[in-house]
Amino acid sequence: MKSFVYQLPTVMGTIAAMLVTLLSVMHETSPESCLVKTVAAFTVFAGLGMVLRYVFLSLEEEKEQKANHQLGSTFSNIPPGTPLSELLGDEENPSLEAEEPTAA
């Protein structure tokens, strides 16, 4: 997704410029007018693409930071040398210890 987000301003500006150029040529406007409209459309939509790129990247960065913070807080509280059974909350079942083994 990130690769497309970085290309968003160029893609939006180019598509808008091509559409405006096509419509200007279809309506037989002067070449100078067509050029001005095309440049204006590219500039406006490339700017809009830059704003959208900033928004998408900041949302994704917040999402990654939140995930890293949750993961980091989970592992930072565990002291070294803690047994796995304690971390998983496994306790020996007292009912099994009370039973005596049966002879087969």
Protein backbone atom coordinates (compact mmCIF):
# COMPACT_ATOMS: atom_id res chain seq x y z
CA MET A 1 0.00 0.00 0.00
CA LYS A 2 2.85 2.37 0.81
CA SER A 3 4.22 2.27 -2.74
CA PHE A 4 0.86 3.38 -4.14
CA VAL A 5 0.46 6.09 -1.50
CA TYR A 6 3.78 7.66 -2.50
CA GLN A 7 2.64 7.80 -6.15
CA LEU A 8 -0.79 9.24 -5.34
CA PRO A 9 -0.06 12.92 -6.19
CA THR A 10 1.45 12.06 -9.56
CA VAL A 11 -1.33 9.65 -10.49
CA MET A 12 -4.13 12.00 -9.46
CA GLY A 13 -2.55 15.00 -11.21
CA THR A 14 -1.85 13.08 -14.40
CA ILE A 15 -5.34 11.61 -14.67
CA ALA A 16 -6.95 14.99 -14.05
CA ALA A 17 -4.69 16.67 -16.63
CA MET A 18 -5.48 14.04 -19.25
CA LEU A 19 -9.23 14.35 -18.68
CA VAL A 20 -9.15 18.15 -18.88
CA THR A 21 -7.03 18.02 -22.03
CA LEU A 22 -9.41 15.55 -23.65
CA LEU A 23 -12.44 17.68 -22.80
CA SER A 24 -10.73 20.87 -23.99
CA VAL A 25 -9.80 19.29 -27.31
CA MET A 26 -13.33 17.92 -27.74
CA HIS A 27 -14.77 21.40 -27.21
CA GLU A 28 -12.22 22.89 -29.61
CA THR A 29 -10.70 25.44 -27.24
CA SER A 30 -7.58 27.36 -28.17
CA PRO A 31 -4.22 25.67 -27.50
CA GLU A 32 -3.25 28.34 -24.95
CA SER A 33 -6.49 27.88 -23.04
CA CYS A 34 -6.09 24.10 -23.18
CA LEU A 35 -2.56 24.37 -21.76
CA VAL A 36 -3.60 26.67 -18.92
CA LYS A 37 -6.52 24.42 -17.97
CA THR A 38 -4.33 21.32 -18.09
CA VAL A 39 -1.61 22.82 -15.89
CA ALA A 40 -4.19 24.11 -13.43
CA ALA A 41 -5.91 20.71 -13.21
CA PHE A 42 -2.59 18.93 -12.69
CA THR A 43 -1.53 21.38 -9.97
CA VAL A 44 -4.80 21.23 -8.05
CA PHE A 45 -5.15 17.45 -8.11
CA ALA A 46 -1.46 16.83 -7.40
CA GLY A 47 -1.84 19.08 -4.34
CA LEU A 48 -4.90 17.13 -3.27
CA GLY A 49 -2.90 13.92 -3.72
CA MET A 50 -0.14 15.29 -1.49
CA VAL A 51 -2.65 16.04 1.25
CA LEU A 52 -4.16 12.56 0.96
CA ARG A 53 -0.67 11.00 0.99
CA TYR A 54 0.16 12.84 4.21
CA VAL A 55 -3.10 11.71 5.82
CA PHE A 56 -2.71 8.06 4.79
CA LEU A 57 0.92 7.87 5.90
CA SER A 58 0.20 9.49 9.27
CA LEU A 59 -2.70 7.09 9.91
CA GLU A 60 -0.52 4.12 9.03
CA GLU A 61 2.31 5.41 11.23
CA GLU A 62 -0.06 5.81 14.19
CA LYS A 63 -1.32 2.29 13.64
CA GLU A 64 2.24 0.89 13.60
CA GLN A 65 3.24 2.85 16.71
CA LYS A 66 0.18 1.60 18.56
CA ALA A 67 0.95 -2.00 17.61
CA ASN A 68 4.61 -1.61 18.60
CA HIS A 69 3.66 0.03 21.89
CA GLN A 70 1.30 -2.81 22.79
CA LEU A 71 3.90 -5.42 21.88
CA GLY A 72 6.68 -3.56 23.69
CA SER A 73 4.70 -3.10 26.88
CA THR A 74 3.90 -6.80 26.97
CA PHE A 75 7.51 -7.93 26.88
CA SER A 76 9.12 -5.12 28.85
CA ASN A 77 7.40 -6.15 32.10
CA ILE A 78 8.78 -9.71 32.09
CA PRO A 79 11.89 -10.11 34.22
CA PRO A 80 14.67 -12.29 32.81
CA GLY A 81 14.67 -15.91 33.92
CA THR A 82 10.91 -16.18 34.40
CA PRO A 83 9.72 -19.74 33.72
CA LEU A 84 7.36 -20.24 30.81
CA SER A 85 4.79 -22.01 32.93
CA GLU A 86 4.53 -18.93 35.14
CA LEU A 87 4.06 -16.66 32.13
CA LEU A 88 1.33 -18.85 30.71
CA GLY A 89 -0.39 -19.09 34.07
CA ASP A 90 -0.10 -22.86 34.24
CA GLU A 91 -0.46 -24.09 37.76
CA GLU A 92 -0.20 -27.64 38.82
CA ASN A 93 -3.62 -29.10 39.29
CA PRO A 94 -4.00 -29.82 43.03
CA SER A 95 -6.63 -32.47 42.37
CA LEU A 96 -4.14 -34.53 40.38
CA GLU A 97 -1.54 -34.37 43.16
CA ALA A 98 -4.03 -35.62 45.74
CA GLU A 99 -4.82 -38.76 43.78
CA GLU A 100 -2.59 -41.69 44.32
CA PRO A 101 -1.27 -43.54 41.34
CA THR A 102 -3.09 -46.75 40.60
CA ALA A 103 -1.22 -49.96 40.07
CA ALA A 104 -1.96 -51.68 36.86
